[in-house]
Amino acid sequence: MLRIGNFNVRHELVDQGSSTEVMYYSLFKDLKISDTDLRPSEVPLIGFNGASVWPLGMITLPVHCGSMIIDMEFMVVDVPSSYNAIVGRTWLQKLKAIASTYH
């Protein structure tokens, strides 16, 4: 379980193949954050099936994992999912859970 903002989040996916962190709109609403706090997104999110989805926007929130707190930027999308959030390579690299492949 992760803590995003001040909310304990269940049903998150840790995906080493994901190049961005994704928050689904249902979680965004649970966090009681206003849509006006979203920053515009300039790129679409390309999903697992190859379809593109335009995010509602971007938001940076603290993510608590154990004793570490890392500010992460999430793309907020309004599509159905069994997950509340997806954290990917950026998050794993900031946790130092995986080494960067870029030199």
C-alpha atoms as a PDB file:
ATOM      1  CA  MET A   1       0.000   0.000   0.000  1.00  0.00           C
ATOM      2  CA  LEU A   2       1.230   3.479  -0.888  1.00  0.00           C
ATOM      3  CA  ARG A   3       0.282   6.762   0.661  1.00  0.00           C
ATOM      4  CA  ILE A   4      -0.334   9.430  -1.964  1.00  0.00           C
ATOM      5  CA  GLY A   5      -0.914  12.853  -0.484  1.00  0.00           C
ATOM      6  CA  ASN A   6      -2.745  12.078   2.751  1.00  0.00           C
ATOM      7  CA  PHE A   7      -4.599   9.039   1.413  1.00  0.00           C
ATOM      8  CA  ASN A   8      -3.707   5.362   1.775  1.00  0.00           C
ATOM      9  CA  VAL A   9      -4.007   3.914  -1.722  1.00  0.00           C
ATOM     10  CA  ARG A  10      -4.790   0.292  -2.394  1.00  0.00           C
ATOM     11  CA  HIS A  11      -4.797  -1.416  -5.784  1.00  0.00           C
ATOM     12  CA  GLU A  12      -1.804   0.331  -7.277  1.00  0.00           C
ATOM     13  CA  LEU A  13       0.255  -1.250 -10.027  1.00  0.00           C
ATOM     14  CA  VAL A  14       4.047  -1.078 -10.023  1.00  0.00           C
ATOM     15  CA  ASP A  15       4.959  -1.346 -13.694  1.00  0.00           C
ATOM     16  CA  GLN A  16       8.635  -1.305 -14.678  1.00  0.00           C
ATOM     17  CA  GLY A  17       7.551  -0.825 -18.289  1.00  0.00           C
ATOM     18  CA  SER A  18       5.603   2.366 -17.610  1.00  0.00           C
ATOM     19  CA  SER A  19       7.440   5.575 -18.461  1.00  0.00           C
ATOM     20  CA  THR A  20       5.033   7.739 -16.479  1.00  0.00           C
ATOM     21  CA  GLU A  21       2.993   7.660 -13.302  1.00  0.00           C
ATOM     22  CA  VAL A  22      -0.769   7.486 -13.805  1.00  0.00           C
ATOM     23  CA  MET A  23      -3.557   8.386 -11.420  1.00  0.00           C
ATOM     24  CA  TYR A  24      -7.105   7.436 -12.254  1.00  0.00           C
ATOM     25  CA  TYR A  25      -9.755  10.093 -11.790  1.00  0.00           C
ATOM     26  CA  SER A  26     -11.640   8.086  -9.146  1.00  0.00           C
ATOM     27  CA  LEU A  27      -8.580   8.311  -6.854  1.00  0.00           C
ATOM     28  CA  PHE A  28      -8.094  11.972  -7.747  1.00  0.00           C
ATOM     29  CA  LYS A  29     -11.652  12.682  -6.555  1.00  0.00           C
ATOM     30  CA  ASP A  30     -11.064  10.651  -3.358  1.00  0.00           C
ATOM     31  CA  LEU A  31      -8.050  12.879  -2.625  1.00  0.00           C
ATOM     32  CA  LYS A  32     -10.434  15.883  -2.593  1.00  0.00           C
ATOM     33  CA  ILE A  33      -8.252  17.844  -4.985  1.00  0.00           C
ATOM     34  CA  SER A  34      -9.894  20.393  -7.255  1.00  0.00           C
ATOM     35  CA  ASP A  35      -9.730  19.999 -11.014  1.00  0.00           C
ATOM     36  CA  THR A  36      -8.370  23.569 -11.068  1.00  0.00           C
ATOM     37  CA  ASP A  37      -5.185  22.240  -9.403  1.00  0.00           C
ATOM     38  CA  LEU A  38      -4.366  20.209 -12.521  1.00  0.00           C
ATOM     39  CA  ARG A  39      -1.722  21.523 -14.900  1.00  0.00           C
ATOM     40  CA  PRO A  40      -2.299  21.015 -18.612  1.00  0.00           C
ATOM     41  CA  SER A  41      -0.743  17.982 -20.259  1.00  0.00           C
ATOM     42  CA  GLU A  42       0.953  18.453 -23.592  1.00  0.00           C
ATOM     43  CA  VAL A  43       1.136  14.787 -24.576  1.00  0.00           C
ATOM     44  CA  PRO A  44      -1.359  11.941 -24.684  1.00  0.00           C
ATOM     45  CA  LEU A  45      -0.989   8.745 -22.708  1.00  0.00           C
ATOM     46  CA  ILE A  46      -0.551   5.694 -24.927  1.00  0.00           C
ATOM     47  CA  GLY A  47      -2.249   2.730 -23.269  1.00  0.00           C
ATOM     48  CA  PHE A  48      -1.521  -0.969 -23.168  1.00  0.00           C
ATOM     49  CA  ASN A  49      -3.739  -1.506 -26.202  1.00  0.00           C
ATOM     50  CA  GLY A  50      -2.026   1.230 -28.246  1.00  0.00           C
ATOM     51  CA  ALA A  51      -4.945   3.660 -27.930  1.00  0.00           C
ATOM     52  CA  SER A  52      -4.140   7.206 -26.867  1.00  0.00           C
ATOM     53  CA  VAL A  53      -5.971   9.026 -24.070  1.00  0.00           C
ATOM     54  CA  TRP A  54      -5.655  12.727 -23.336  1.00  0.00           C
ATOM     55  CA  PRO A  55      -5.073  13.235 -19.619  1.00  0.00           C
ATOM     56  CA  LEU A  56      -7.295  15.608 -17.676  1.00  0.00           C
ATOM     57  CA  GLY A  57      -4.018  17.136 -16.532  1.00  0.00           C
ATOM     58  CA  MET A  58      -0.910  16.689 -14.438  1.00  0.00           C
ATOM     59  CA  ILE A  59      -0.441  16.964 -10.679  1.00  0.00           C
ATOM     60  CA  THR A  60       2.560  16.585  -8.377  1.00  0.00           C
ATOM     61  CA  LEU A  61       1.920  14.908  -5.027  1.00  0.00           C
ATOM     62  CA  PRO A  62       4.048  13.369  -2.280  1.00  0.00           C
ATOM     63  CA  VAL A  63       4.193   9.570  -2.347  1.00  0.00           C
ATOM     64  CA  HIS A  64       5.106   7.848   0.922  1.00  0.00           C
ATOM     65  CA  CYS A  65       6.797   4.465   0.706  1.00  0.00           C
ATOM     66  CA  GLY A  66       8.121   3.249   4.026  1.00  0.00           C
ATOM     67  CA  SER A  67      10.199   6.075   5.475  1.00  0.00           C
ATOM     68  CA  MET A  68      10.754   7.756   2.087  1.00  0.00           C
ATOM     69  CA  ILE A  69       8.638  10.603   0.730  1.00  0.00           C
ATOM     70  CA  ILE A  70       9.071  11.414  -2.952  1.00  0.00           C
ATOM     71  CA  ASP A  71       7.250  14.110  -4.926  1.00  0.00           C
ATOM     72  CA  MET A  72       5.884  12.476  -8.069  1.00  0.00           C
ATOM     73  CA  GLU A  73       4.151  13.898 -11.122  1.00  0.00           C
ATOM     74  CA  PHE A  74       1.035  11.978 -12.141  1.00  0.00           C
ATOM     75  CA  MET A  75      -0.991  12.068 -15.342  1.00  0.00           C
ATOM     76  CA  VAL A  76      -4.639  12.071 -14.290  1.00  0.00           C
ATOM     77  CA  VAL A  77      -6.877  10.120 -16.656  1.00  0.00           C
ATOM     78  CA  ASP A  78     -10.596   9.443 -16.646  1.00  0.00           C
ATOM     79  CA  VAL A  79     -10.786   5.892 -17.959  1.00  0.00           C
ATOM     80  CA  PRO A  80     -11.999   2.709 -16.255  1.00  0.00           C
ATOM     81  CA  SER A  81      -9.375   0.653 -14.432  1.00  0.00           C
ATOM     82  CA  SER A  82      -9.158  -1.915 -11.678  1.00  0.00           C
ATOM     83  CA  TYR A  83      -6.184   0.085 -10.328  1.00  0.00           C
ATOM     84  CA  ASN A  84      -6.158   3.455  -8.583  1.00  0.00           C
ATOM     85  CA  ALA A  85      -2.688   4.395  -9.775  1.00  0.00           C
ATOM     86  CA  ILE A  86       0.246   3.095 -11.773  1.00  0.00           C
ATOM     87  CA  VAL A  87       3.772   3.911 -10.711  1.00  0.00           C
ATOM     88  CA  GLY A  88       6.531   3.224 -13.174  1.00  0.00           C
ATOM     89  CA  ARG A  89      10.247   3.520 -13.830  1.00  0.00           C
ATOM     90  CA  THR A  90      10.573   7.140 -12.669  1.00  0.00           C
ATOM     91  CA  TRP A  91       9.197   6.271  -9.243  1.00  0.00           C
ATOM     92  CA  LEU A  92      11.323   3.129  -8.995  1.00  0.00           C
ATOM     93  CA  GLN A  93      14.459   5.073  -9.940  1.00  0.00           C
ATOM     94  CA  LYS A  94      13.745   7.780  -7.351  1.00  0.00           C
ATOM     95  CA  LEU A  95      13.360   5.031  -4.729  1.00  0.00           C
ATOM     96  CA  LYS A  96      16.677   3.626  -6.000  1.00  0.00           C
ATOM     97  CA  ALA A  97      14.856   0.324  -6.505  1.00  0.00           C
ATOM     98  CA  ILE A  98      16.266   0.017 -10.032  1.00  0.00           C
ATOM     99  CA  ALA A  99      19.294   1.540 -11.705  1.00  0.00           C
ATOM    100  CA  SER A 100      18.880   4.037 -14.485  1.00  0.00           C
ATOM    101  CA  THR A 101      19.601   2.566 -17.909  1.00  0.00           C
ATOM    102  CA  TYR A 102      20.699   5.973 -19.223  1.00  0.00           C
ATOM    103  CA  HIS A 103      24.321   7.054 -18.867  1.00  0.00           C
END
